[in-house]
Amino acid sequence: ATISSGGTTNYADSVKGRFTISRDNAKKTVYLQMNSLKPEDTAVYY
């Protein structure tokens, strides 16, 4: 998933509807909320 400086988001088809990317510019932090996780989501996340 990606999120632009303006807040536009983009997702891989495999995670649409399950993952949500967001950002908090004041905290200089980006988040990835992952729901309904599947074994195939197992990976190192960067």
ModelCIF file with pLDDT and N, C-alpha, C, O atoms, coordinates in Angstrom:
data_MODEL
#
_entry.id   MODEL 
#
_entity.id                         1 
_entity.type                       polymer 
_entity.pdbx_number_of_molecules   1 
#
_entity_poly.entity_id                      1 
_entity_poly.type                           'polypeptide(L)' 
_entity_poly.nstd_linkage                   no 
_entity_poly.nstd_monomer                   no 
_entity_poly.pdbx_seq_one_letter_code       ATISSGGTTNYADSVKGRFTISRDNAKKTVYLQMNSLKPEDTAVYY 
_entity_poly.pdbx_seq_one_letter_code_can   ATISSGGTTNYADSVKGRFTISRDNAKKTVYLQMNSLKPEDTAVYY 
_entity_poly.pdbx_strand_id                 A 
#
loop_
_entity_poly_seq.entity_id 
_entity_poly_seq.num 
_entity_poly_seq.mon_id 
_entity_poly_seq.hetero 
1 1  ALA n 
1 2  THR n 
1 3  ILE n 
1 4  SER n 
1 5  SER n 
1 6  GLY n 
1 7  GLY n 
1 8  THR n 
1 9  THR n 
1 10 ASN n 
1 11 TYR n 
1 12 ALA n 
1 13 ASP n 
1 14 SER n 
1 15 VAL n 
1 16 LYS n 
1 17 GLY n 
1 18 ARG n 
1 19 PHE n 
1 20 THR n 
1 21 ILE n 
1 22 SER n 
1 23 ARG n 
1 24 ASP n 
1 25 ASN n 
1 26 ALA n 
1 27 LYS n 
1 28 LYS n 
1 29 THR n 
1 30 VAL n 
1 31 TYR n 
1 32 LEU n 
1 33 GLN n 
1 34 MET n 
1 35 ASN n 
1 36 SER n 
1 37 LEU n 
1 38 LYS n 
1 39 PRO n 
1 40 GLU n 
1 41 ASP n 
1 42 THR n 
1 43 ALA n 
1 44 VAL n 
1 45 TYR n 
1 46 TYR n 
#
_struct_asym.id          A 
_struct_asym.entity_id   1 
#
loop_
_ma_qa_metric.id 
_ma_qa_metric.mode 
_ma_qa_metric.name 
_ma_qa_metric.software_group_id 
_ma_qa_metric.type 
1 global pLDDT . pLDDT 
2 local  pLDDT . pLDDT 
#
_ma_qa_metric_global.metric_id      1 
_ma_qa_metric_global.metric_value   97.13 
_ma_qa_metric_global.model_id       1 
_ma_qa_metric_global.ordinal_id     1 
#
loop_
_ma_qa_metric_local.label_asym_id 
_ma_qa_metric_local.label_comp_id 
_ma_qa_metric_local.label_seq_id 
_ma_qa_metric_local.metric_id 
_ma_qa_metric_local.metric_value 
_ma_qa_metric_local.model_id 
_ma_qa_metric_local.ordinal_id 
A ALA 1  2 98.00 1 1  
A THR 2  2 98.00 1 2  
A ILE 3  2 97.00 1 3  
A SER 4  2 96.00 1 4  
A SER 5  2 94.00 1 5  
A GLY 6  2 94.00 1 6  
A GLY 7  2 95.00 1 7  
A THR 8  2 97.00 1 8  
A THR 9  2 98.00 1 9  
A ASN 10 2 98.00 1 10 
A TYR 11 2 98.00 1 11 
A ALA 12 2 98.00 1 12 
A ASP 13 2 98.00 1 13 
A SER 14 2 97.00 1 14 
A VAL 15 2 98.00 1 15 
A LYS 16 2 98.00 1 16 
A GLY 17 2 97.00 1 17 
A ARG 18 2 98.00 1 18 
A PHE 19 2 98.00 1 19 
A THR 20 2 98.00 1 20 
A ILE 21 2 98.00 1 21 
A SER 22 2 98.00 1 22 
A ARG 23 2 97.00 1 23 
A ASP 24 2 96.00 1 24 
A ASN 25 2 94.00 1 25 
A ALA 26 2 94.00 1 26 
A LYS 27 2 95.00 1 27 
A LYS 28 2 95.00 1 28 
A THR 29 2 96.00 1 29 
A VAL 30 2 97.00 1 30 
A TYR 31 2 98.00 1 31 
A LEU 32 2 98.00 1 32 
A GLN 33 2 98.00 1 33 
A MET 34 2 98.00 1 34 
A ASN 35 2 98.00 1 35 
A SER 36 2 98.00 1 36 
A LEU 37 2 98.00 1 37 
A LYS 38 2 98.00 1 38 
A PRO 39 2 97.00 1 39 
A GLU 40 2 96.00 1 40 
A ASP 41 2 98.00 1 41 
A THR 42 2 98.00 1 42 
A ALA 43 2 98.00 1 43 
A VAL 44 2 98.00 1 44 
A TYR 45 2 98.00 1 45 
A TYR 46 2 98.00 1 46 
#
loop_
_atom_site.group_PDB 
_atom_site.id 
_atom_site.type_symbol 
_atom_site.label_atom_id 
_atom_site.label_alt_id 
_atom_site.label_comp_id 
_atom_site.label_asym_id 
_atom_site.label_entity_id 
_atom_site.label_seq_id 
_atom_site.pdbx_PDB_ins_code 
_atom_site.Cartn_x 
_atom_site.Cartn_y 
_atom_site.Cartn_z 
_atom_site.occupancy 
_atom_site.B_iso_or_equiv 
_atom_site.pdbx_formal_charge 
_atom_site.auth_seq_id 
_atom_site.auth_comp_id 
_atom_site.auth_asym_id 
_atom_site.auth_atom_id 
_atom_site.pdbx_PDB_model_num 
ATOM 1   N N  . ALA A 1 1  ? 0.846   -1.193  0.000  1.00 98.00 ? 1  ALA A N  1 
ATOM 2   C CA . ALA A 1 1  ? 0.000   0.000   0.000  1.00 98.00 ? 1  ALA A CA 1 
ATOM 3   C C  . ALA A 1 1  ? 0.878   1.237   0.000  1.00 98.00 ? 1  ALA A C  1 
ATOM 4   O O  . ALA A 1 1  ? 1.991   1.225   0.525  1.00 98.00 ? 1  ALA A O  1 
ATOM 5   N N  . THR A 1 2  ? 0.361   2.309   -0.598 1.00 98.00 ? 2  THR A N  1 
ATOM 6   C CA . THR A 1 2  ? 1.053   3.596   -0.580 1.00 98.00 ? 2  THR A CA 1 
ATOM 7   C C  . THR A 1 2  ? 0.077   4.705   -0.231 1.00 98.00 ? 2  THR A C  1 
ATOM 8   O O  . THR A 1 2  ? -1.134  4.579   -0.414 1.00 98.00 ? 2  THR A O  1 
ATOM 9   N N  . ILE A 1 3  ? 0.637   5.791   0.276  1.00 97.00 ? 3  ILE A N  1 
ATOM 10  C CA . ILE A 1 3  ? -0.156  6.978   0.551  1.00 97.00 ? 3  ILE A CA 1 
ATOM 11  C C  . ILE A 1 3  ? 0.669   8.189   0.149  1.00 97.00 ? 3  ILE A C  1 
ATOM 12  O O  . ILE A 1 3  ? 1.816   8.336   0.572  1.00 97.00 ? 3  ILE A O  1 
ATOM 13  N N  . SER A 1 4  ? 0.089   9.045   -0.660 1.00 96.00 ? 4  SER A N  1 
ATOM 14  C CA . SER A 1 4  ? 0.806   10.218  -1.158 1.00 96.00 ? 4  SER A CA 1 
ATOM 15  C C  . SER A 1 4  ? 0.876   11.300  -0.083 1.00 96.00 ? 4  SER A C  1 
ATOM 16  O O  . SER A 1 4  ? 0.265   11.186  0.980  1.00 96.00 ? 4  SER A O  1 
ATOM 17  N N  . SER A 1 5  ? 1.631   12.344  -0.385 1.00 94.00 ? 5  SER A N  1 
ATOM 18  C CA . SER A 1 5  ? 1.700   13.468  0.541  1.00 94.00 ? 5  SER A CA 1 
ATOM 19  C C  . SER A 1 5  ? 0.331   14.119  0.712  1.00 94.00 ? 5  SER A C  1 
ATOM 20  O O  . SER A 1 5  ? 0.054   14.721  1.750  1.00 94.00 ? 5  SER A O  1 
ATOM 21  N N  . GLY A 1 6  ? -0.507  14.004  -0.281 1.00 94.00 ? 6  GLY A N  1 
ATOM 22  C CA . GLY A 1 6  ? -1.846  14.566  -0.209 1.00 94.00 ? 6  GLY A CA 1 
ATOM 23  C C  . GLY A 1 6  ? -2.896  13.627  0.369  1.00 94.00 ? 6  GLY A C  1 
ATOM 24  O O  . GLY A 1 6  ? -4.057  14.003  0.530  1.00 94.00 ? 6  GLY A O  1 
ATOM 25  N N  . GLY A 1 7  ? -2.472  12.386  0.683  1.00 95.00 ? 7  GLY A N  1 
ATOM 26  C CA . GLY A 1 7  ? -3.398  11.452  1.316  1.00 95.00 ? 7  GLY A CA 1 
ATOM 27  C C  . GLY A 1 7  ? -4.050  10.449  0.373  1.00 95.00 ? 7  GLY A C  1 
ATOM 28  O O  . GLY A 1 7  ? -4.883  9.654   0.810  1.00 95.00 ? 7  GLY A O  1 
ATOM 29  N N  . THR A 1 8  ? -3.697  10.468  -0.893 1.00 97.00 ? 8  THR A N  1 
ATOM 30  C CA . THR A 1 8  ? -4.250  9.488   -1.831 1.00 97.00 ? 8  THR A CA 1 
ATOM 31  C C  . THR A 1 8  ? -3.635  8.122   -1.561 1.00 97.00 ? 8  THR A C  1 
ATOM 32  O O  . THR A 1 8  ? -2.418  7.993   -1.427 1.00 97.00 ? 8  THR A O  1 
ATOM 33  N N  . THR A 1 9  ? -4.479  7.113   -1.485 1.00 98.00 ? 9  THR A N  1 
ATOM 34  C CA . THR A 1 9  ? -4.006  5.765   -1.156 1.00 98.00 ? 9  THR A CA 1 
ATOM 35  C C  . THR A 1 9  ? -4.108  4.826   -2.359 1.00 98.00 ? 9  THR A C  1 
ATOM 36  O O  . THR A 1 9  ? -4.895  5.035   -3.283 1.00 98.00 ? 9  THR A O  1 
ATOM 37  N N  . ASN A 1 10 ? -3.284  3.793   -2.305 1.00 98.00 ? 10 ASN A N  1 
ATOM 38  C CA . ASN A 1 10 ? -3.260  2.779   -3.354 1.00 98.00 ? 10 ASN A CA 1 
ATOM 39  C C  . ASN A 1 10 ? -2.933  1.453   -2.687 1.00 98.00 ? 10 ASN A C  1 
ATOM 40  O O  . ASN A 1 10 ? -2.080  1.385   -1.801 1.00 98.00 ? 10 ASN A O  1 
ATOM 41  N N  . TYR A 1 11 ? -3.628  0.385   -3.126 1.00 98.00 ? 11 TYR A N  1 
ATOM 42  C CA . TYR A 1 11 ? -3.440  -0.920  -2.489 1.00 98.00 ? 11 TYR A CA 1 
ATOM 43  C C  . TYR A 1 11 ? -3.214  -2.011  -3.523 1.00 98.00 ? 11 TYR A C  1 
ATOM 44  O O  . TYR A 1 11 ? -3.719  -1.943  -4.644 1.00 98.00 ? 11 TYR A O  1 
ATOM 45  N N  . ALA A 1 12 ? -2.450  -3.009  -3.128 1.00 98.00 ? 12 ALA A N  1 
ATOM 46  C CA . ALA A 1 12 ? -2.363  -4.227  -3.923 1.00 98.00 ? 12 ALA A CA 1 
ATOM 47  C C  . ALA A 1 12 ? -3.719  -4.917  -3.886 1.00 98.00 ? 12 ALA A C  1 
ATOM 48  O O  . ALA A 1 12 ? -4.431  -4.851  -2.884 1.00 98.00 ? 12 ALA A O  1 
ATOM 49  N N  . ASP A 1 13 ? -4.071  -5.577  -4.980 1.00 98.00 ? 13 ASP A N  1 
ATOM 50  C CA . ASP A 1 13 ? -5.373  -6.251  -5.038 1.00 98.00 ? 13 ASP A CA 1 
ATOM 51  C C  . ASP A 1 13 ? -5.528  -7.279  -3.918 1.00 98.00 ? 13 ASP A C  1 
ATOM 52  O O  . ASP A 1 13 ? -6.629  -7.497  -3.412 1.00 98.00 ? 13 ASP A O  1 
ATOM 53  N N  . SER A 1 14 ? -4.429  -7.900  -3.544 1.00 97.00 ? 14 SER A N  1 
ATOM 54  C CA . SER A 1 14 ? -4.486  -8.969  -2.551 1.00 97.00 ? 14 SER A CA 1 
ATOM 55  C C  . SER A 1 14 ? -4.843  -8.479  -1.143 1.00 97.00 ? 14 SER A C  1 
ATOM 56  O O  . SER A 1 14 ? -5.216  -9.281  -0.287 1.00 97.00 ? 14 SER A O  1 
ATOM 57  N N  . VAL A 1 15 ? -4.732  -7.179  -0.902 1.00 98.00 ? 15 VAL A N  1 
ATOM 58  C CA . VAL A 1 15 ? -5.014  -6.664  0.449  1.00 98.00 ? 15 VAL A CA 1 
ATOM 59  C C  . VAL A 1 15 ? -6.179  -5.679  0.479  1.00 98.00 ? 15 VAL A C  1 
ATOM 60  O O  . VAL A 1 15 ? -6.569  -5.222  1.553  1.00 98.00 ? 15 VAL A O  1 
ATOM 61  N N  . LYS A 1 16 ? -6.734  -5.350  -0.672 1.00 98.00 ? 16 LYS A N  1 
ATOM 62  C CA . LYS A 1 16 ? -7.859  -4.397  -0.711 1.00 98.00 ? 16 LYS A CA 1 
ATOM 63  C C  . LYS A 1 16 ? -9.018  -4.893  0.150  1.00 98.00 ? 16 LYS A C  1 
ATOM 64  O O  . LYS A 1 16 ? -9.406  -6.060  0.092  1.00 98.00 ? 16 LYS A O  1 
ATOM 65  N N  . GLY A 1 17 ? -9.557  -3.977  0.946  1.00 97.00 ? 17 GLY A N  1 
ATOM 66  C CA . GLY A 1 17 ? -10.666 -4.330  1.803  1.00 97.00 ? 17 GLY A CA 1 
ATOM 67  C C  . GLY A 1 17 ? -10.250 -4.914  3.142  1.00 97.00 ? 17 GLY A C  1 
ATOM 68  O O  . GLY A 1 17 ? -11.076 -5.060  4.043  1.00 97.00 ? 17 GLY A O  1 
ATOM 69  N N  . ARG A 1 18 ? -8.961  -5.252  3.277  1.00 98.00 ? 18 ARG A N  1 
ATOM 70  C CA . ARG A 1 18 ? -8.474  -5.833  4.537  1.00 98.00 ? 18 ARG A CA 1 
ATOM 71  C C  . ARG A 1 18 ? -7.446  -4.933  5.223  1.00 98.00 ? 18 ARG A C  1 
ATOM 72  O O  . ARG A 1 18 ? -7.404  -4.866  6.451  1.00 98.00 ? 18 ARG A O  1 
ATOM 73  N N  . PHE A 1 19 ? -6.626  -4.248  4.443  1.00 98.00 ? 19 PHE A N  1 
ATOM 74  C CA . PHE A 1 19 ? -5.567  -3.390  4.985  1.00 98.00 ? 19 PHE A CA 1 
ATOM 75  C C  . PHE A 1 19 ? -5.917  -1.930  4.754  1.00 98.00 ? 19 PHE A C  1 
ATOM 76  O O  . PHE A 1 19 ? -6.569  -1.579  3.770  1.00 98.00 ? 19 PHE A O  1 
ATOM 77  N N  . THR A 1 20 ? -5.471  -1.080  5.683  1.00 98.00 ? 20 THR A N  1 
ATOM 78  C CA . THR A 1 20 ? -5.665  0.358   5.550  1.00 98.00 ? 20 THR A CA 1 
ATOM 79  C C  . THR A 1 20 ? -4.371  1.075   5.896  1.00 98.00 ? 20 THR A C  1 
ATOM 80  O O  . THR A 1 20 ? -3.801  0.871   6.968  1.00 98.00 ? 20 THR A O  1 
ATOM 81  N N  . ILE A 1 21 ? -3.914  1.916   4.977  1.00 98.00 ? 21 ILE A N  1 
ATOM 82  C CA . ILE A 1 21 ? -2.728  2.727   5.223  1.00 98.00 ? 21 ILE A CA 1 
ATOM 83  C C  . ILE A 1 21 ? -3.187  4.127   5.622  1.00 98.00 ? 21 ILE A C  1 
ATOM 84  O O  . ILE A 1 21 ? -4.157  4.655   5.078  1.00 98.00 ? 21 ILE A O  1 
ATOM 85  N N  . SER A 1 22 ? -2.479  4.715   6.573  1.00 98.00 ? 22 SER A N  1 
ATOM 86  C CA . SER A 1 22 ? -2.791  6.071   7.003  1.00 98.00 ? 22 SER A CA 1 
ATOM 87  C C  . SER A 1 22 ? -1.509  6.749   7.466  1.00 98.00 ? 22 SER A C  1 
ATOM 88  O O  . SER A 1 22 ? -0.490  6.094   7.680  1.00 98.00 ? 22 SER A O  1 
ATOM 89  N N  . ARG A 1 23 ? -1.572  8.063   7.616  1.00 97.00 ? 23 ARG A N  1 
ATOM 90  C CA . ARG A 1 23 ? -0.397  8.798   8.048  1.00 97.00 ? 23 ARG A CA 1 
ATOM 91  C C  . ARG A 1 23 ? -0.801  9.887   9.020  1.00 97.00 ? 23 ARG A C  1 
ATOM 92  O O  . ARG A 1 23 ? -1.898  10.440  8.943  1.00 97.00 ? 23 ARG A O  1 
ATOM 93  N N  . ASP A 1 24 ? 0.113   10.186  9.943  1.00 96.00 ? 24 ASP A N  1 
ATOM 94  C CA . ASP A 1 24 ? -0.056  11.285  10.894 1.00 96.00 ? 24 ASP A CA 1 
ATOM 95  C C  . ASP A 1 24 ? 1.176   12.170  10.730 1.00 96.00 ? 24 ASP A C  1 
ATOM 96  O O  . ASP A 1 24 ? 2.247   11.863  11.252 1.00 96.00 ? 24 ASP A O  1 
ATOM 97  N N  . ASN A 1 25 ? 1.012   13.255  10.009 1.00 94.00 ? 25 ASN A N  1 
ATOM 98  C CA . ASN A 1 25 ? 2.177   14.101  9.711  1.00 94.00 ? 25 ASN A CA 1 
ATOM 99  C C  . ASN A 1 25 ? 2.745   14.759  10.969 1.00 94.00 ? 25 ASN A C  1 
ATOM 100 O O  . ASN A 1 25 ? 3.950   14.995  11.053 1.00 94.00 ? 25 ASN A O  1 
ATOM 101 N N  . ALA A 1 26 ? 1.895   15.054  11.934 1.00 94.00 ? 26 ALA A N  1 
ATOM 102 C CA . ALA A 1 26 ? 2.381   15.671  13.169 1.00 94.00 ? 26 ALA A CA 1 
ATOM 103 C C  . ALA A 1 26 ? 3.298   14.721  13.935 1.00 94.00 ? 26 ALA A C  1 
ATOM 104 O O  . ALA A 1 26 ? 4.254   15.152  14.579 1.00 94.00 ? 26 ALA A O  1 
ATOM 105 N N  . LYS A 1 27 ? 2.999   13.431  13.860 1.00 95.00 ? 27 LYS A N  1 
ATOM 106 C CA . LYS A 1 27 ? 3.819   12.424  14.543 1.00 95.00 ? 27 LYS A CA 1 
ATOM 107 C C  . LYS A 1 27 ? 4.889   11.842  13.631 1.00 95.00 ? 27 LYS A C  1 
ATOM 108 O O  . LYS A 1 27 ? 5.701   11.026  14.069 1.00 95.00 ? 27 LYS A O  1 
ATOM 109 N N  . LYS A 1 28 ? 4.897   12.253  12.367 1.00 95.00 ? 28 LYS A N  1 
ATOM 110 C CA . LYS A 1 28 ? 5.868   11.753  11.379 1.00 95.00 ? 28 LYS A CA 1 
ATOM 111 C C  . LYS A 1 28 ? 5.824   10.225  11.320 1.00 95.00 ? 28 LYS A C  1 
ATOM 112 O O  . LYS A 1 28 ? 6.855   9.553   11.335 1.00 95.00 ? 28 LYS A O  1 
ATOM 113 N N  . THR A 1 29 ? 4.623   9.709   11.255 1.00 96.00 ? 29 THR A N  1 
ATOM 114 C CA . THR A 1 29 ? 4.423   8.260   11.313 1.00 96.00 ? 29 THR A CA 1 
ATOM 115 C C  . THR A 1 29 ? 3.394   7.818   10.265 1.00 96.00 ? 29 THR A C  1 
ATOM 116 O O  . THR A 1 29 ? 2.398   8.496   10.015 1.00 96.00 ? 29 THR A O  1 
ATOM 117 N N  . VAL A 1 30 ? 3.671   6.663   9.669  1.00 97.00 ? 30 VAL A N  1 
ATOM 118 C CA . VAL A 1 30 ? 2.717   6.032   8.771  1.00 97.00 ? 30 VAL A CA 1 
ATOM 119 C C  . VAL A 1 30 ? 2.316   4.695   9.384  1.00 97.00 ? 30 VAL A C  1 
ATOM 120 O O  . VAL A 1 30 ? 3.129   4.018   10.013 1.00 97.00 ? 30 VAL A O  1 
ATOM 121 N N  . TYR A 1 31 ? 1.061   4.327   9.193  1.00 98.00 ? 31 TYR A N  1 
ATOM 122 C CA . TYR A 1 31 ? 0.514   3.121   9.793  1.00 98.00 ? 31 TYR A CA 1 
ATOM 123 C C  . TYR A 1 31 ? -0.016  2.174   8.720  1.00 98.00 ? 31 TYR A C  1 
ATOM 124 O O  . TYR A 1 31 ? -0.375  2.590   7.619  1.00 98.00 ? 31 TYR A O  1 
ATOM 125 N N  . LEU A 1 32 ? -0.054  0.902   9.068  1.00 98.00 ? 32 LEU A N  1 
ATOM 126 C CA . LEU A 1 32 ? -0.716  -0.088  8.232  1.00 98.00 ? 32 LEU A CA 1 
ATOM 127 C C  . LEU A 1 32 ? -1.576  -0.950  9.142  1.00 98.00 ? 32 LEU A C  1 
ATOM 128 O O  . LEU A 1 32 ? -1.068  -1.786  9.889  1.00 98.00 ? 32 LEU A O  1 
ATOM 129 N N  . GLN A 1 33 ? -2.882  -0.738  9.070  1.00 98.00 ? 33 GLN A N  1 
ATOM 130 C CA . GLN A 1 33 ? -3.820  -1.562  9.833  1.00 98.00 ? 33 GLN A CA 1 
ATOM 131 C C  . GLN A 1 33 ? -4.150  -2.786  8.989  1.00 98.00 ? 33 GLN A C  1 
ATOM 132 O O  . GLN A 1 33 ? -4.634  -2.663  7.864  1.00 98.00 ? 33 GLN A O  1 
ATOM 133 N N  . MET A 1 34 ? -3.888  -3.962  9.538  1.00 98.00 ? 34 MET A N  1 
ATOM 134 C CA . MET A 1 34 ? -4.078  -5.202  8.802  1.00 98.00 ? 34 MET A CA 1 
ATOM 135 C C  . MET A 1 34 ? -5.131  -6.043  9.521  1.00 98.00 ? 34 MET A C  1 
ATOM 136 O O  . MET A 1 34 ? -4.929  -6.470  10.658 1.00 98.00 ? 34 MET A O  1 
ATOM 137 N N  . ASN A 1 35 ? -6.238  -6.272  8.852  1.00 98.00 ? 35 ASN A N  1 
ATOM 138 C CA . ASN A 1 35 ? -7.333  -7.071  9.397  1.00 98.00 ? 35 ASN A CA 1 
ATOM 139 C C  . ASN A 1 35 ? -7.525  -8.335  8.560  1.00 98.00 ? 35 ASN A C  1 
ATOM 140 O O  . ASN A 1 35 ? -7.032  -8.434  7.436  1.00 98.00 ? 35 ASN A O  1 
ATOM 141 N N  . SER A 1 36 ? -8.235  -9.278  9.119  1.00 98.00 ? 36 SER A N  1 
ATOM 142 C CA . SER A 1 36 ? -8.540  -10.541 8.411  1.00 98.00 ? 36 SER A CA 1 
ATOM 143 C C  . SER A 1 36 ? -7.285  -11.147 7.809  1.00 98.00 ? 36 SER A C  1 
ATOM 144 O O  . SER A 1 36 ? -7.253  -11.526 6.638  1.00 98.00 ? 36 SER A O  1 
ATOM 145 N N  . LEU A 1 37 ? -6.266  -11.229 8.626  1.00 98.00 ? 37 LEU A N  1 
ATOM 146 C CA . LEU A 1 37 ? -4.976  -11.707 8.124  1.00 98.00 ? 37 LEU A CA 1 
ATOM 147 C C  . LEU A 1 37 ? -5.036  -13.166 7.698  1.00 98.00 ? 37 LEU A C  1 
ATOM 148 O O  . LEU A 1 37 ? -5.748  -13.980 8.285  1.00 98.00 ? 37 LEU A O  1 
ATOM 149 N N  . LYS A 1 38 ? -4.266  -13.470 6.659  1.00 98.00 ? 38 LYS A N  1 
ATOM 150 C CA . LYS A 1 38 ? -4.203  -14.806 6.083  1.00 98.00 ? 38 LYS A CA 1 
ATOM 151 C C  . LYS A 1 38 ? -2.772  -15.330 6.159  1.00 98.00 ? 38 LYS A C  1 
ATOM 152 O O  . LYS A 1 38 ? -1.834  -14.537 6.242  1.00 98.00 ? 38 LYS A O  1 
ATOM 153 N N  . PRO A 1 39 ? -2.590  -16.623 6.134  1.00 97.00 ? 39 PRO A N  1 
ATOM 154 C CA . PRO A 1 39 ? -1.221  -17.166 6.146  1.00 97.00 ? 39 PRO A CA 1 
ATOM 155 C C  . PRO A 1 39 ? -0.360  -16.608 5.022  1.00 97.00 ? 39 PRO A C  1 
ATOM 156 O O  . PRO A 1 39 ? 0.848   -16.445 5.192  1.00 97.00 ? 39 PRO A O  1 
ATOM 157 N N  . GLU A 1 40 ? -0.960  -16.317 3.887  1.00 96.00 ? 40 GLU A N  1 
ATOM 158 C CA . GLU A 1 40 ? -0.192  -15.771 2.763  1.00 96.00 ? 40 GLU A CA 1 
ATOM 159 C C  . GLU A 1 40 ? 0.255   -14.333 2.967  1.00 96.00 ? 40 GLU A C  1 
ATOM 160 O O  . GLU A 1 40 ? 1.003   -13.797 2.149  1.00 96.00 ? 40 GLU A O  1 
ATOM 161 N N  . ASP A 1 41 ? -0.191  -13.705 4.042  1.00 98.00 ? 41 ASP A N  1 
ATOM 162 C CA . ASP A 1 41 ? 0.302   -12.369 4.393  1.00 98.00 ? 41 ASP A CA 1 
ATOM 163 C C  . ASP A 1 41 ? 1.623   -12.436 5.153  1.00 98.00 ? 41 ASP A C  1 
ATOM 164 O O  . ASP A 1 41 ? 2.235   -11.404 5.428  1.00 98.00 ? 41 ASP A O  1 
ATOM 165 N N  . THR A 1 42 ? 2.059   -13.630 5.488  1.00 98.00 ? 42 THR A N  1 
ATOM 166 C CA . THR A 1 42 ? 3.318   -13.796 6.208  1.00 98.00 ? 42 THR A CA 1 
ATOM 167 C C  . THR A 1 42 ? 4.481   -13.284 5.361  1.00 98.00 ? 42 THR A C  1 
ATOM 168 O O  . THR A 1 42 ? 4.673   -13.708 4.221  1.00 98.00 ? 42 THR A O  1 
ATOM 169 N N  . ALA A 1 43 ? 5.252   -12.364 5.941  1.00 98.00 ? 43 ALA A N  1 
ATOM 170 C CA . ALA A 1 43 ? 6.364   -11.743 5.218  1.00 98.00 ? 43 ALA A CA 1 
ATOM 171 C C  . ALA A 1 43 ? 7.079   -10.777 6.150  1.00 98.00 ? 43 ALA A C  1 
ATOM 172 O O  . ALA A 1 43 ? 6.620   -10.493 7.256  1.00 98.00 ? 43 ALA A O  1 
ATOM 173 N N  . VAL A 1 44 ? 8.209   -10.284 5.675  1.00 98.00 ? 44 VAL A N  1 
ATOM 174 C CA . VAL A 1 44 ? 8.838   -9.127  6.319  1.00 98.00 ? 44 VAL A CA 1 
ATOM 175 C C  . VAL A 1 44 ? 8.248   -7.888  5.655  1.00 98.00 ? 44 VAL A C  1 
ATOM 176 O O  . VAL A 1 44 ? 8.257   -7.760  4.430  1.00 98.00 ? 44 VAL A O  1 
ATOM 177 N N  . TYR A 1 45 ? 7.743   -6.990  6.471  1.00 98.00 ? 45 TYR A N  1 
ATOM 178 C CA . TYR A 1 45 ? 7.113   -5.768  5.972  1.00 98.00 ? 45 TYR A CA 1 
ATOM 179 C C  . TYR A 1 45 ? 8.082   -4.597  6.124  1.00 98.00 ? 45 TYR A C  1 
ATOM 180 O O  . TYR A 1 45 ? 8.660   -4.370  7.187  1.00 98.00 ? 45 TYR A O  1 
ATOM 181 N N  . TYR A 1 46 ? 8.239   -3.859  5.015  1.00 98.00 ? 46 TYR A N  1 
ATOM 182 C CA . TYR A 1 46 ? 9.175   -2.753  4.966  1.00 98.00 ? 46 TYR A CA 1 
ATOM 183 C C  . TYR A 1 46 ? 8.442   -1.437  4.731  1.00 98.00 ? 46 TYR A C  1 
ATOM 184 O O  . TYR A 1 46 ? 9.074   -0.383  4.660  1.00 98.00 ? 46 TYR A O  1 
#
